[in-house]
N, C-alpha and C. Protein backbone atom coordinates (compact mmCIF):
# COMPACT_ATOMS: atom_id res chain seq x y z
N MET A 1 -42.27 -21.42 -12.86
CA MET A 1 -42.27 -20.46 -11.48
C MET A 1 -40.51 -19.77 -12.51
N PRO A 2 -40.84 -18.63 -12.53
CA PRO A 2 -39.83 -18.23 -13.24
C PRO A 2 -38.40 -17.83 -12.01
N ILE A 3 -37.15 -18.25 -12.66
CA ILE A 3 -36.21 -18.36 -12.10
C ILE A 3 -35.53 -16.89 -13.29
N TYR A 4 -35.19 -15.95 -12.51
CA TYR A 4 -34.50 -14.90 -12.90
C TYR A 4 -32.73 -15.03 -12.66
N GLU A 5 -32.00 -14.26 -13.79
CA GLU A 5 -31.01 -13.58 -13.12
C GLU A 5 -30.87 -12.09 -13.06
N TYR A 6 -29.69 -12.32 -12.31
CA TYR A 6 -29.34 -10.65 -11.89
C TYR A 6 -28.21 -10.37 -11.67
N THR A 7 -27.95 -9.14 -11.71
CA THR A 7 -27.04 -8.16 -11.19
C THR A 7 -26.92 -7.77 -10.10
N CYS A 8 -26.36 -7.56 -8.83
CA CYS A 8 -27.03 -6.47 -7.83
C CYS A 8 -26.17 -5.24 -8.06
N LYS A 9 -25.83 -3.62 -8.32
CA LYS A 9 -25.56 -2.63 -8.59
C LYS A 9 -24.92 -2.41 -7.24
N ALA A 10 -25.61 -2.57 -6.26
CA ALA A 10 -24.82 -2.18 -5.23
C ALA A 10 -23.42 -3.03 -4.94
N CYS A 11 -23.48 -4.56 -5.12
CA CYS A 11 -22.24 -5.30 -4.69
C CYS A 11 -21.55 -5.65 -5.82
N GLY A 12 -22.06 -6.10 -7.07
CA GLY A 12 -21.62 -6.73 -8.16
C GLY A 12 -21.69 -7.89 -8.49
N LYS A 13 -22.70 -8.72 -7.05
CA LYS A 13 -22.33 -10.20 -7.38
C LYS A 13 -23.52 -10.39 -8.44
N ASN A 14 -23.46 -11.44 -9.21
CA ASN A 14 -24.35 -11.97 -9.99
C ASN A 14 -24.95 -13.18 -9.02
N PHE A 15 -26.41 -13.58 -10.05
CA PHE A 15 -27.42 -14.53 -8.96
C PHE A 15 -28.44 -15.04 -9.47
N GLU A 16 -29.19 -15.91 -9.36
CA GLU A 16 -30.35 -16.25 -10.14
C GLU A 16 -31.14 -16.80 -8.64
N THR A 17 -32.64 -16.32 -8.78
CA THR A 17 -33.60 -16.27 -7.84
C THR A 17 -34.85 -16.45 -8.68
N LEU A 18 -35.52 -17.15 -7.41
CA LEU A 18 -37.27 -17.29 -8.22
C LEU A 18 -37.95 -16.76 -7.88
N VAL A 19 -38.86 -15.75 -8.82
CA VAL A 19 -39.44 -14.83 -8.11
C VAL A 19 -40.97 -15.00 -8.87
N LEU A 20 -41.73 -14.81 -7.46
CA LEU A 20 -42.76 -15.53 -7.05
C LEU A 20 -44.10 -13.54 -7.09
N GLY A 21 -44.84 -13.99 -8.30
CA GLY A 21 -45.84 -13.08 -8.28
C GLY A 21 -45.06 -11.44 -8.24
N SER A 22 -45.84 -10.68 -7.58
CA SER A 22 -45.21 -9.30 -7.48
C SER A 22 -43.58 -9.33 -6.03
N ASP A 23 -43.45 -10.08 -6.16
CA ASP A 23 -42.33 -10.42 -5.04
C ASP A 23 -41.18 -9.47 -5.87
N THR A 24 -40.69 -8.63 -4.83
CA THR A 24 -39.18 -8.11 -5.00
C THR A 24 -38.24 -8.90 -4.28
N PRO A 25 -36.91 -9.15 -5.67
CA PRO A 25 -35.92 -9.64 -4.83
C PRO A 25 -34.62 -8.80 -4.96
N LYS A 26 -34.03 -9.68 -3.65
CA LYS A 26 -33.03 -9.05 -2.79
C LYS A 26 -31.46 -9.84 -3.62
N CYS A 27 -30.61 -8.61 -3.25
CA CYS A 27 -29.24 -9.29 -3.27
C CYS A 27 -29.12 -10.69 -2.03
N PRO A 28 -28.76 -12.13 -2.36
CA PRO A 28 -28.49 -12.50 -1.46
C PRO A 28 -26.70 -12.56 -0.45
N ALA A 29 -26.43 -11.25 -1.14
CA ALA A 29 -25.22 -10.88 -0.88
C ALA A 29 -24.89 -9.72 0.32
N CYS A 30 -25.84 -9.26 0.17
CA CYS A 30 -25.69 -7.92 0.75
C CYS A 30 -27.26 -7.24 0.82
N ASN A 31 -28.21 -7.90 0.45
CA ASN A 31 -30.18 -7.73 0.58
C ASN A 31 -29.62 -6.15 -0.24
N SER A 32 -29.40 -5.69 -1.16
CA SER A 32 -29.92 -4.25 -1.64
C SER A 32 -30.86 -5.05 -3.00
N GLU A 33 -31.57 -4.23 -3.08
CA GLU A 33 -33.25 -4.21 -4.39
C GLU A 33 -32.23 -3.36 -5.30
N ASP A 34 -31.28 -3.07 -5.78
CA ASP A 34 -31.14 -2.15 -6.54
C ASP A 34 -30.33 -3.04 -7.63
N LEU A 35 -31.02 -3.84 -8.42
CA LEU A 35 -30.78 -4.81 -9.20
C LEU A 35 -30.81 -5.10 -10.83
N ALA A 36 -30.35 -5.34 -11.92
CA ALA A 36 -30.56 -5.27 -12.87
C ALA A 36 -30.86 -6.74 -13.35
N ARG A 37 -31.96 -6.91 -14.07
CA ARG A 37 -31.69 -8.24 -14.80
C ARG A 37 -31.43 -8.40 -15.58
N LEU A 38 -30.89 -9.77 -15.89
CA LEU A 38 -29.82 -9.95 -17.23
C LEU A 38 -30.49 -10.86 -18.36
N MET A 39 -30.08 -10.92 -18.97
CA MET A 39 -30.91 -11.50 -20.40
C MET A 39 -30.15 -13.09 -19.64
N SER A 40 -30.77 -14.20 -19.94
CA SER A 40 -30.29 -15.53 -19.57
C SER A 40 -30.04 -16.15 -21.20
N LYS A 41 -29.19 -16.96 -21.40
CA LYS A 41 -29.14 -18.18 -21.93
C LYS A 41 -29.97 -19.14 -21.63
N CYS A 42 -30.41 -19.96 -23.20
CA CYS A 42 -31.40 -20.84 -22.64
C CYS A 42 -30.86 -21.85 -23.36
N GLY A 43 -31.19 -23.15 -23.44
CA GLY A 43 -30.76 -24.16 -23.97
C GLY A 43 -32.29 -24.90 -24.71
N PHE A 44 -31.66 -26.20 -25.38
CA PHE A 44 -32.61 -26.87 -26.30
C PHE A 44 -32.71 -27.92 -26.23
N VAL A 45 -33.81 -28.81 -26.69
CA VAL A 45 -33.65 -29.86 -27.62
C VAL A 45 -33.83 -30.28 -28.35
N SER A 46 -33.59 -30.89 -29.83
CA SER A 46 -34.46 -30.98 -30.79
C SER A 46 -34.10 -32.46 -31.17
N LYS A 47 -35.12 -33.01 -31.37
CA LYS A 47 -34.79 -34.34 -31.86
C LYS A 47 -35.53 -35.00 -33.52
N SER A 48 -35.00 -35.57 -34.45
CA SER A 48 -35.16 -35.27 -35.68
C SER A 48 -34.85 -36.93 -35.76
N THR A 49 -35.85 -38.01 -37.18
CA THR A 49 -35.20 -38.77 -37.68
C THR A 49 -34.13 -38.48 -38.68
N GLY A 50 -33.06 -39.32 -38.27
CA GLY A 50 -31.79 -38.99 -39.35
C GLY A 50 -31.85 -40.01 -40.24
N PRO A 51 -30.85 -40.32 -41.22
CA PRO A 51 -30.82 -41.59 -42.36
C PRO A 51 -30.76 -42.89 -41.43
N GLY A 52 -31.53 -43.78 -41.78
CA GLY A 52 -32.29 -45.04 -41.64
C GLY A 52 -33.13 -45.39 -40.71
N GLY A 53 -34.11 -43.93 -40.53
CA GLY A 53 -35.18 -43.90 -39.65
C GLY A 53 -34.00 -43.55 -37.93
N GLN A 54 -33.03 -43.63 -37.95
CA GLN A 54 -32.76 -43.47 -36.14
C GLN A 54 -32.54 -42.03 -35.79
N ILE A 55 -33.33 -42.05 -34.56
CA ILE A 55 -33.51 -41.14 -34.28
C ILE A 55 -32.55 -39.92 -33.64
N GLN A 56 -32.42 -38.52 -33.76
CA GLN A 56 -30.93 -38.39 -33.45
C GLN A 56 -31.66 -36.59 -32.59
N THR A 57 -30.40 -36.57 -31.69
CA THR A 57 -30.77 -35.64 -30.50
C THR A 57 -29.91 -34.51 -30.49
N THR A 58 -30.36 -33.38 -31.30
CA THR A 58 -29.44 -31.88 -30.78
C THR A 58 -29.81 -31.46 -29.30
N THR A 59 -28.55 -30.92 -28.64
CA THR A 59 -28.66 -30.16 -27.46
C THR A 59 -27.64 -29.03 -27.43
N SER A 60 -28.35 -27.87 -27.10
CA SER A 60 -27.59 -26.55 -26.86
C SER A 60 -27.86 -26.17 -25.43
N ALA A 61 -26.89 -25.26 -24.97
CA ALA A 61 -27.01 -24.86 -23.23
C ALA A 61 -26.30 -23.92 -23.14
N GLY A 62 -27.03 -22.73 -22.43
CA GLY A 62 -26.57 -21.32 -22.57
C GLY A 62 -25.18 -22.08 -21.36
N SER A 63 -24.19 -20.56 -20.51
CA SER A 63 -23.23 -20.87 -20.45
C SER A 63 -23.84 -20.54 -18.55
N SER A 64 -25.06 -20.07 -18.05
CA SER A 64 -25.79 -20.46 -17.02
C SER A 64 -25.96 -21.28 -16.36
N SER A 65 -25.51 -21.81 -14.75
CA SER A 65 -25.69 -22.89 -14.27
C SER A 65 -26.68 -23.43 -14.21
N CYS A 66 -27.45 -24.63 -14.37
CA CYS A 66 -28.38 -24.61 -14.40
C CYS A 66 -28.90 -25.16 -12.72
N ALA A 67 -30.39 -25.57 -12.54
CA ALA A 67 -30.91 -25.79 -11.01
C ALA A 67 -30.21 -26.74 -10.31
N GLY A 68 -30.10 -28.21 -11.49
CA GLY A 68 -30.12 -29.12 -11.03
C GLY A 68 -27.93 -29.83 -10.57
N CYS A 69 -27.65 -28.66 -10.61
CA CYS A 69 -25.74 -29.01 -10.80
C CYS A 69 -25.31 -27.45 -10.70
N SER A 70 -23.87 -26.97 -10.11
CA SER A 70 -23.26 -26.18 -10.03
C SER A 70 -22.33 -25.97 -11.28
N SER A 71 -22.48 -26.49 -12.20
CA SER A 71 -21.79 -26.30 -13.31
C SER A 71 -22.17 -25.20 -14.31
N LYS A 72 -21.06 -24.56 -14.68
CA LYS A 72 -21.09 -23.63 -15.40
C LYS A 72 -21.66 -23.90 -17.03
N ASN A 73 -21.27 -25.27 -17.06
CA ASN A 73 -21.18 -26.11 -18.57
C ASN A 73 -22.51 -27.16 -18.37
N CYS A 74 -23.01 -27.09 -18.89
CA CYS A 74 -24.06 -27.87 -18.56
C CYS A 74 -24.46 -29.08 -19.87
N SER A 75 -23.27 -29.05 -20.66
CA SER A 75 -22.89 -30.32 -21.73
C SER A 75 -21.64 -30.88 -20.23
N SER A 76 -21.76 -30.73 -19.11
CA SER A 76 -21.04 -31.34 -18.36
C SER A 76 -21.88 -32.02 -17.01
N CYS A 77 -23.11 -31.63 -17.12
CA CYS A 77 -24.35 -31.75 -16.16
C CYS A 77 -24.53 -33.26 -16.33
N SER A 78 -24.79 -33.59 -15.60
CA SER A 78 -25.35 -35.12 -15.73
C SER A 78 -26.82 -35.36 -15.99
N THR A 79 -27.22 -34.24 -15.32
CA THR A 79 -29.27 -34.47 -15.56
C THR A 79 -29.17 -34.15 -17.21
N SER A 80 -28.59 -32.92 -17.52
CA SER A 80 -28.42 -32.85 -19.58
C SER A 80 -28.15 -33.96 -20.33
N ALA A 81 -27.09 -34.67 -19.61
CA ALA A 81 -26.53 -35.70 -20.52
C ALA A 81 -27.45 -36.64 -20.44
N THR A 82 -28.48 -36.97 -19.64
CA THR A 82 -29.32 -38.27 -19.97
C THR A 82 -30.56 -38.35 -20.43
N ILE A 83 -30.63 -36.38 -21.21
CA ILE A 83 -31.96 -36.30 -21.86
C ILE A 83 -31.76 -36.90 -23.23
N GLY A 84 -33.06 -37.32 -23.65
CA GLY A 84 -32.59 -37.60 -25.50
C GLY A 84 -33.75 -39.12 -25.23
C-alpha cells in the first residue's frame, strides 16, 4: 500500500500518509486538502560477491524517516542496520 509524502499548502506541515484507492488525503495538523505531493527519496540494498567469495552489502537511504522509527537518518535506524 502506498505511503506518500505531502506538504500542506495551507499550514506548511510536511507529513507522510497511507493513501488507499481513491481516498483524498488531509493534513493532520489543519485538516486541509490543499496539498502538494513531494518526491520521496528511496533507499536500496544491493548484494554482490566480493573478493574471496564474501557477500558484500551496500545500502543507500533517503533523508525521510522510515515507518520503523522516527529518525531522519535511516543509517541510525536499527531496522535498516540489520538488513543483509
